[in-house]
Amino acid sequence: MLNHFRLATVILIFQGLTTLAAPGCSRSKPAHAARTVTPWEGRLQSLFDDSIDPTSLGLAPTSTDPKDANVARGQAAHFVVRARVSTVTVEGQGNKQRYVVTLRVVGDPIVGARPPSDTVQIAIGRGSPSFGLAQSRNLQLAGTPFIAFLREFEAQDSPIMHWHLARDAQDVVDAAREGAVLESSTD
């Protein structure tokens, strides 16, 4: 009788510990979690700035400490995934010229749910901070791996995706996951 009691106690303690540990073990938001779609303004506009981190193409960084920004992006993103550029096309001419970049999602999500599709199209228009980079390096973009921070925002007809592409490196992944942990602790 005493051994059955000890076994039951051990099982209950184990179940309690695994229940307590489970929320902290997950690095991703549940796929079914409701996403808040807000206007693209303020801090969110600077985080999801429709730009490419120049270090991902071997150029000098434009920010002295991108870790804080990547933590904040990981905290606010709907999706953070590894992605590889599969195609780059140029549309329009003159002031209406833009680059349409198709990203193929690679592997499991880093933070959040998997995007609804295995491919994500982003546009780099003249107003994007990365237009010059896309214009001068468009042939180098094809095949380039990135960590893609993606978030949907309010638009007139339906939500629109804004983004930031960071270099595919472990410190970027760690920063995104740190942000996701901070986000889950504020829920």
C-alpha atoms as a PDB file:
ATOM      1  CA  MET A   1       0.000   0.000   0.000  1.00  0.00           C
ATOM      2  CA  LEU A   2       2.810   2.391   0.879  1.00  0.00           C
ATOM      3  CA  ASN A   3       4.571   1.762  -2.479  1.00  0.00           C
ATOM      4  CA  HIS A   4       1.350   2.546  -4.393  1.00  0.00           C
ATOM      5  CA  PHE A   5       1.026   5.784  -2.424  1.00  0.00           C
ATOM      6  CA  ARG A   6       4.629   6.778  -3.228  1.00  0.00           C
ATOM      7  CA  LEU A   7       4.161   5.931  -6.917  1.00  0.00           C
ATOM      8  CA  ALA A   8       0.967   8.019  -7.081  1.00  0.00           C
ATOM      9  CA  THR A   9       2.742  10.906  -5.334  1.00  0.00           C
ATOM     10  CA  VAL A  10       5.676  10.723  -7.757  1.00  0.00           C
ATOM     11  CA  ILE A  11       3.297  10.684 -10.742  1.00  0.00           C
ATOM     12  CA  LEU A  12       1.376  13.706  -9.419  1.00  0.00           C
ATOM     13  CA  ILE A  13       4.575  15.645  -8.770  1.00  0.00           C
ATOM     14  CA  PHE A  14       5.879  14.779 -12.246  1.00  0.00           C
ATOM     15  CA  GLN A  15       2.606  15.865 -13.851  1.00  0.00           C
ATOM     16  CA  GLY A  16       2.688  19.114 -11.884  1.00  0.00           C
ATOM     17  CA  LEU A  17       6.261  19.853 -12.927  1.00  0.00           C
ATOM     18  CA  THR A  18       5.608  19.127 -16.586  1.00  0.00           C
ATOM     19  CA  THR A  19       2.488  21.308 -16.499  1.00  0.00           C
ATOM     20  CA  LEU A  20       4.468  24.173 -14.973  1.00  0.00           C
ATOM     21  CA  ALA A  21       7.352  23.746 -17.405  1.00  0.00           C
ATOM     22  CA  ALA A  22       5.256  23.360 -20.542  1.00  0.00           C
ATOM     23  CA  PRO A  23       4.387  27.034 -21.124  1.00  0.00           C
ATOM     24  CA  GLY A  24       8.047  28.056 -20.939  1.00  0.00           C
ATOM     25  CA  CYS A  25       9.203  25.233 -23.206  1.00  0.00           C
ATOM     26  CA  SER A  26       7.331  26.435 -26.250  1.00  0.00           C
ATOM     27  CA  ARG A  27       9.159  29.031 -28.295  1.00  0.00           C
ATOM     28  CA  SER A  28       6.291  29.666 -30.623  1.00  0.00           C
ATOM     29  CA  LYS A  29       2.895  31.205 -30.223  1.00  0.00           C
ATOM     30  CA  PRO A  30       0.031  28.775 -30.742  1.00  0.00           C
ATOM     31  CA  ALA A  31      -1.118  28.565 -34.353  1.00  0.00           C
ATOM     32  CA  HIS A  32      -4.677  29.283 -33.260  1.00  0.00           C
ATOM     33  CA  ALA A  33      -3.782  32.430 -31.306  1.00  0.00           C
ATOM     34  CA  ALA A  34      -5.659  35.479 -32.537  1.00  0.00           C
ATOM     35  CA  ARG A  35      -3.424  38.025 -34.216  1.00  0.00           C
ATOM     36  CA  THR A  36      -3.960  41.688 -33.567  1.00  0.00           C
ATOM     37  CA  VAL A  37      -4.056  43.636 -36.816  1.00  0.00           C
ATOM     38  CA  THR A  38      -3.246  47.276 -36.123  1.00  0.00           C
ATOM     39  CA  PRO A  39      -2.365  50.341 -38.207  1.00  0.00           C
ATOM     40  CA  TRP A  40       1.202  50.451 -39.579  1.00  0.00           C
ATOM     41  CA  GLU A  41       2.493  53.393 -37.555  1.00  0.00           C
ATOM     42  CA  GLY A  42       4.820  54.437 -34.771  1.00  0.00           C
ATOM     43  CA  ARG A  43       7.180  51.851 -33.291  1.00  0.00           C
ATOM     44  CA  LEU A  44       5.664  49.016 -35.345  1.00  0.00           C
ATOM     45  CA  GLN A  45       6.372  50.921 -38.557  1.00  0.00           C
ATOM     46  CA  SER A  46      10.032  51.260 -37.567  1.00  0.00           C
ATOM     47  CA  LEU A  47      10.289  47.560 -36.616  1.00  0.00           C
ATOM     48  CA  PHE A  48       8.539  46.231 -39.739  1.00  0.00           C
ATOM     49  CA  ASP A  49      10.154  48.771 -42.030  1.00  0.00           C
ATOM     50  CA  ASP A  50      10.056  46.802 -45.301  1.00  0.00           C
ATOM     51  CA  SER A  51      13.825  46.703 -45.355  1.00  0.00           C
ATOM     52  CA  ILE A  52      16.710  44.290 -45.709  1.00  0.00           C
ATOM     53  CA  ASP A  53      19.536  44.213 -43.174  1.00  0.00           C
ATOM     54  CA  PRO A  54      22.596  45.131 -45.274  1.00  0.00           C
ATOM     55  CA  THR A  55      24.822  42.745 -43.290  1.00  0.00           C
ATOM     56  CA  SER A  56      22.873  39.853 -44.832  1.00  0.00           C
ATOM     57  CA  LEU A  57      24.514  40.815 -48.132  1.00  0.00           C
ATOM     58  CA  GLY A  58      27.973  41.417 -46.676  1.00  0.00           C
ATOM     59  CA  LEU A  59      27.621  45.199 -46.279  1.00  0.00           C
ATOM     60  CA  ALA A  60      28.306  47.360 -43.230  1.00  0.00           C
ATOM     61  CA  PRO A  61      25.528  47.502 -40.626  1.00  0.00           C
ATOM     62  CA  THR A  62      23.305  50.577 -40.457  1.00  0.00           C
ATOM     63  CA  SER A  63      22.466  50.092 -36.769  1.00  0.00           C
ATOM     64  CA  THR A  64      24.868  49.910 -33.856  1.00  0.00           C
ATOM     65  CA  ASP A  65      22.821  47.339 -31.903  1.00  0.00           C
ATOM     66  CA  PRO A  66      20.299  45.416 -33.990  1.00  0.00           C
ATOM     67  CA  LYS A  67      19.762  42.919 -31.134  1.00  0.00           C
ATOM     68  CA  ASP A  68      17.310  45.194 -29.305  1.00  0.00           C
ATOM     69  CA  ALA A  69      15.351  45.782 -32.514  1.00  0.00           C
ATOM     70  CA  ASN A  70      15.288  42.043 -33.276  1.00  0.00           C
ATOM     71  CA  VAL A  71      14.063  41.270 -29.744  1.00  0.00           C
ATOM     72  CA  ALA A  72      11.278  43.829 -30.240  1.00  0.00           C
ATOM     73  CA  ARG A  73      10.482  42.369 -33.677  1.00  0.00           C
ATOM     74  CA  GLY A  74      10.294  38.870 -32.202  1.00  0.00           C
ATOM     75  CA  GLN A  75       7.956  40.200 -29.537  1.00  0.00           C
ATOM     76  CA  ALA A  76       5.628  41.913 -32.052  1.00  0.00           C
ATOM     77  CA  ALA A  77       5.847  39.622 -35.111  1.00  0.00           C
ATOM     78  CA  HIS A  78       3.042  37.372 -36.244  1.00  0.00           C
ATOM     79  CA  PHE A  79       5.567  35.168 -38.024  1.00  0.00           C
ATOM     80  CA  VAL A  80       9.344  34.769 -37.744  1.00  0.00           C
ATOM     81  CA  VAL A  81      10.722  32.211 -40.176  1.00  0.00           C
ATOM     82  CA  ARG A  82      13.822  31.226 -42.054  1.00  0.00           C
ATOM     83  CA  ALA A  83      13.269  32.056 -45.699  1.00  0.00           C
ATOM     84  CA  ARG A  84      15.268  31.911 -48.898  1.00  0.00           C
ATOM     85  CA  VAL A  85      14.750  34.232 -51.856  1.00  0.00           C
ATOM     86  CA  SER A  86      13.441  32.135 -54.731  1.00  0.00           C
ATOM     87  CA  THR A  87      12.739  34.878 -57.295  1.00  0.00           C
ATOM     88  CA  VAL A  88      13.239  38.590 -57.792  1.00  0.00           C
ATOM     89  CA  THR A  89      11.268  40.369 -60.492  1.00  0.00           C
ATOM     90  CA  VAL A  90      11.130  44.003 -61.521  1.00  0.00           C
ATOM     91  CA  GLU A  91       7.751  45.552 -62.160  1.00  0.00           C
ATOM     92  CA  GLY A  92       6.955  48.967 -63.595  1.00  0.00           C
ATOM     93  CA  GLN A  93       9.249  51.751 -64.719  1.00  0.00           C
ATOM     94  CA  GLY A  94      10.485  55.082 -63.468  1.00  0.00           C
ATOM     95  CA  ASN A  95       8.774  56.251 -60.272  1.00  0.00           C
ATOM     96  CA  LYS A  96       6.493  53.187 -60.310  1.00  0.00           C
ATOM     97  CA  GLN A  97       9.327  50.657 -60.444  1.00  0.00           C
ATOM     98  CA  ARG A  98       9.385  48.054 -57.679  1.00  0.00           C
ATOM     99  CA  TYR A  99      11.026  44.736 -56.931  1.00  0.00           C
ATOM    100  CA  VAL A 100       8.812  41.783 -56.076  1.00  0.00           C
ATOM    101  CA  VAL A 101      10.704  39.237 -54.017  1.00  0.00           C
ATOM    102  CA  THR A 102       9.318  35.753 -53.466  1.00  0.00           C
ATOM    103  CA  LEU A 103      10.518  34.134 -50.268  1.00  0.00           C
ATOM    104  CA  ARG A 104      10.240  30.393 -49.693  1.00  0.00           C
ATOM    105  CA  VAL A 105       9.733  29.460 -46.037  1.00  0.00           C
ATOM    106  CA  VAL A 106      12.356  26.942 -44.900  1.00  0.00           C
ATOM    107  CA  GLY A 107      11.779  24.672 -41.902  1.00  0.00           C
ATOM    108  CA  ASP A 108       9.693  25.232 -38.821  1.00  0.00           C
ATOM    109  CA  PRO A 109       8.743  28.708 -37.578  1.00  0.00           C
ATOM    110  CA  ILE A 110      11.238  30.373 -35.272  1.00  0.00           C
ATOM    111  CA  VAL A 111       8.488  32.382 -33.542  1.00  0.00           C
ATOM    112  CA  GLY A 112       4.760  32.274 -34.007  1.00  0.00           C
ATOM    113  CA  ALA A 113       2.783  30.145 -36.362  1.00  0.00           C
ATOM    114  CA  ARG A 114       3.784  29.149 -39.862  1.00  0.00           C
ATOM    115  CA  PRO A 115       2.598  31.671 -42.470  1.00  0.00           C
ATOM    116  CA  PRO A 116      -0.508  30.568 -44.379  1.00  0.00           C
ATOM    117  CA  SER A 117       1.619  29.724 -47.433  1.00  0.00           C
ATOM    118  CA  ASP A 118       5.107  28.284 -47.993  1.00  0.00           C
ATOM    119  CA  THR A 119       5.864  31.330 -50.114  1.00  0.00           C
ATOM    120  CA  VAL A 120       5.585  34.971 -49.144  1.00  0.00           C
ATOM    121  CA  GLN A 121       5.791  37.797 -51.648  1.00  0.00           C
ATOM    122  CA  ILE A 122       7.156  41.131 -50.539  1.00  0.00           C
ATOM    123  CA  ALA A 123       7.468  44.316 -52.555  1.00  0.00           C
ATOM    124  CA  ILE A 124      10.344  46.767 -52.413  1.00  0.00           C
ATOM    125  CA  GLY A 125       9.107  50.046 -53.823  1.00  0.00           C
ATOM    126  CA  ARG A 126      10.871  53.366 -54.205  1.00  0.00           C
ATOM    127  CA  GLY A 127       9.721  54.355 -50.704  1.00  0.00           C
ATOM    128  CA  SER A 128      11.438  51.375 -49.081  1.00  0.00           C
ATOM    129  CA  PRO A 129      14.757  51.953 -47.318  1.00  0.00           C
ATOM    130  CA  SER A 130      16.051  48.928 -49.264  1.00  0.00           C
ATOM    131  CA  PHE A 131      15.107  50.063 -52.768  1.00  0.00           C
ATOM    132  CA  GLY A 132      18.687  51.109 -53.573  1.00  0.00           C
ATOM    133  CA  LEU A 133      19.995  47.837 -52.169  1.00  0.00           C
ATOM    134  CA  ALA A 134      17.545  45.820 -54.280  1.00  0.00           C
ATOM    135  CA  GLN A 135      18.388  47.889 -57.328  1.00  0.00           C
ATOM    136  CA  SER A 136      22.145  47.440 -56.986  1.00  0.00           C
ATOM    137  CA  ARG A 137      22.125  43.853 -55.708  1.00  0.00           C
ATOM    138  CA  ASN A 138      18.999  42.271 -57.192  1.00  0.00           C
ATOM    139  CA  LEU A 139      20.937  39.433 -58.826  1.00  0.00           C
ATOM    140  CA  GLN A 140      22.630  38.657 -55.488  1.00  0.00           C
ATOM    141  CA  LEU A 141      19.295  38.399 -53.682  1.00  0.00           C
ATOM    142  CA  ALA A 142      18.250  35.158 -55.407  1.00  0.00           C
ATOM    143  CA  GLY A 143      19.114  32.236 -53.132  1.00  0.00           C
ATOM    144  CA  THR A 144      19.966  34.447 -50.151  1.00  0.00           C
ATOM    145  CA  PRO A 145      18.765  33.099 -46.798  1.00  0.00           C
ATOM    146  CA  PHE A 146      17.161  35.473 -44.298  1.00  0.00           C
ATOM    147  CA  ILE A 147      15.336  35.508 -41.010  1.00  0.00           C
ATOM    148  CA  ALA A 148      12.015  37.075 -42.023  1.00  0.00           C
ATOM    149  CA  PHE A 149      10.081  39.060 -39.417  1.00  0.00           C
ATOM    150  CA  LEU A 150       6.506  39.403 -40.704  1.00  0.00           C
ATOM    151  CA  ARG A 151       3.419  41.134 -39.346  1.00  0.00           C
ATOM    152  CA  GLU A 152       0.010  41.865 -40.807  1.00  0.00           C
ATOM    153  CA  PHE A 153      -1.355  45.407 -40.570  1.00  0.00           C
ATOM    154  CA  GLU A 154      -4.644  47.118 -41.319  1.00  0.00           C
ATOM    155  CA  ALA A 155      -5.212  48.188 -44.906  1.00  0.00           C
ATOM    156  CA  GLN A 156      -8.250  49.445 -46.811  1.00  0.00           C
ATOM    157  CA  ASP A 157      -9.542  46.118 -48.151  1.00  0.00           C
ATOM    158  CA  SER A 158      -7.658  43.411 -46.273  1.00  0.00           C
ATOM    159  CA  PRO A 159      -4.607  43.116 -44.020  1.00  0.00           C
ATOM    160  CA  ILE A 160      -1.221  43.822 -45.610  1.00  0.00           C
ATOM    161  CA  MET A 161       2.083  42.215 -44.628  1.00  0.00           C
ATOM    162  CA  HIS A 162       4.995  44.430 -43.611  1.00  0.00           C
ATOM    163  CA  TRP A 163       8.375  42.890 -42.962  1.00  0.00           C
ATOM    164  CA  HIS A 164      12.034  43.102 -42.065  1.00  0.00           C
ATOM    165  CA  LEU A 165      14.667  40.713 -43.450  1.00  0.00           C
ATOM    166  CA  ALA A 166      17.628  40.064 -41.156  1.00  0.00           C
ATOM    167  CA  ARG A 167      20.716  37.968 -41.756  1.00  0.00           C
ATOM    168  CA  ASP A 168      20.281  34.260 -41.122  1.00  0.00           C
ATOM    169  CA  ALA A 169      22.398  33.896 -37.991  1.00  0.00           C
ATOM    170  CA  GLN A 170      21.973  32.306 -34.576  1.00  0.00           C
ATOM    171  CA  ASP A 171      22.142  35.625 -32.711  1.00  0.00           C
ATOM    172  CA  VAL A 172      19.149  36.892 -34.738  1.00  0.00           C
ATOM    173  CA  VAL A 173      17.218  33.674 -33.997  1.00  0.00           C
ATOM    174  CA  ASP A 174      18.078  33.990 -30.286  1.00  0.00           C
ATOM    175  CA  ALA A 175      16.922  37.630 -30.210  1.00  0.00           C
ATOM    176  CA  ALA A 176      13.618  36.727 -31.898  1.00  0.00           C
ATOM    177  CA  ARG A 177      13.022  33.917 -29.412  1.00  0.00           C
ATOM    178  CA  GLU A 178      13.887  36.216 -26.511  1.00  0.00           C
ATOM    179  CA  GLY A 179      11.226  38.620 -27.787  1.00  0.00           C
ATOM    180  CA  ALA A 180       8.678  35.809 -28.056  1.00  0.00           C
ATOM    181  CA  VAL A 181       9.345  34.842 -24.431  1.00  0.00           C
ATOM    182  CA  LEU A 182       8.845  38.460 -23.377  1.00  0.00           C
ATOM    183  CA  GLU A 183       5.593  38.580 -25.361  1.00  0.00           C
ATOM    184  CA  SER A 184       4.269  35.398 -23.768  1.00  0.00           C
ATOM    185  CA  SER A 185       5.120  36.703 -20.291  1.00  0.00           C
ATOM    186  CA  THR A 186       3.008  39.840 -20.901  1.00  0.00           C
ATOM    187  CA  ASP A 187      -0.063  37.874 -22.086  1.00  0.00           C
END
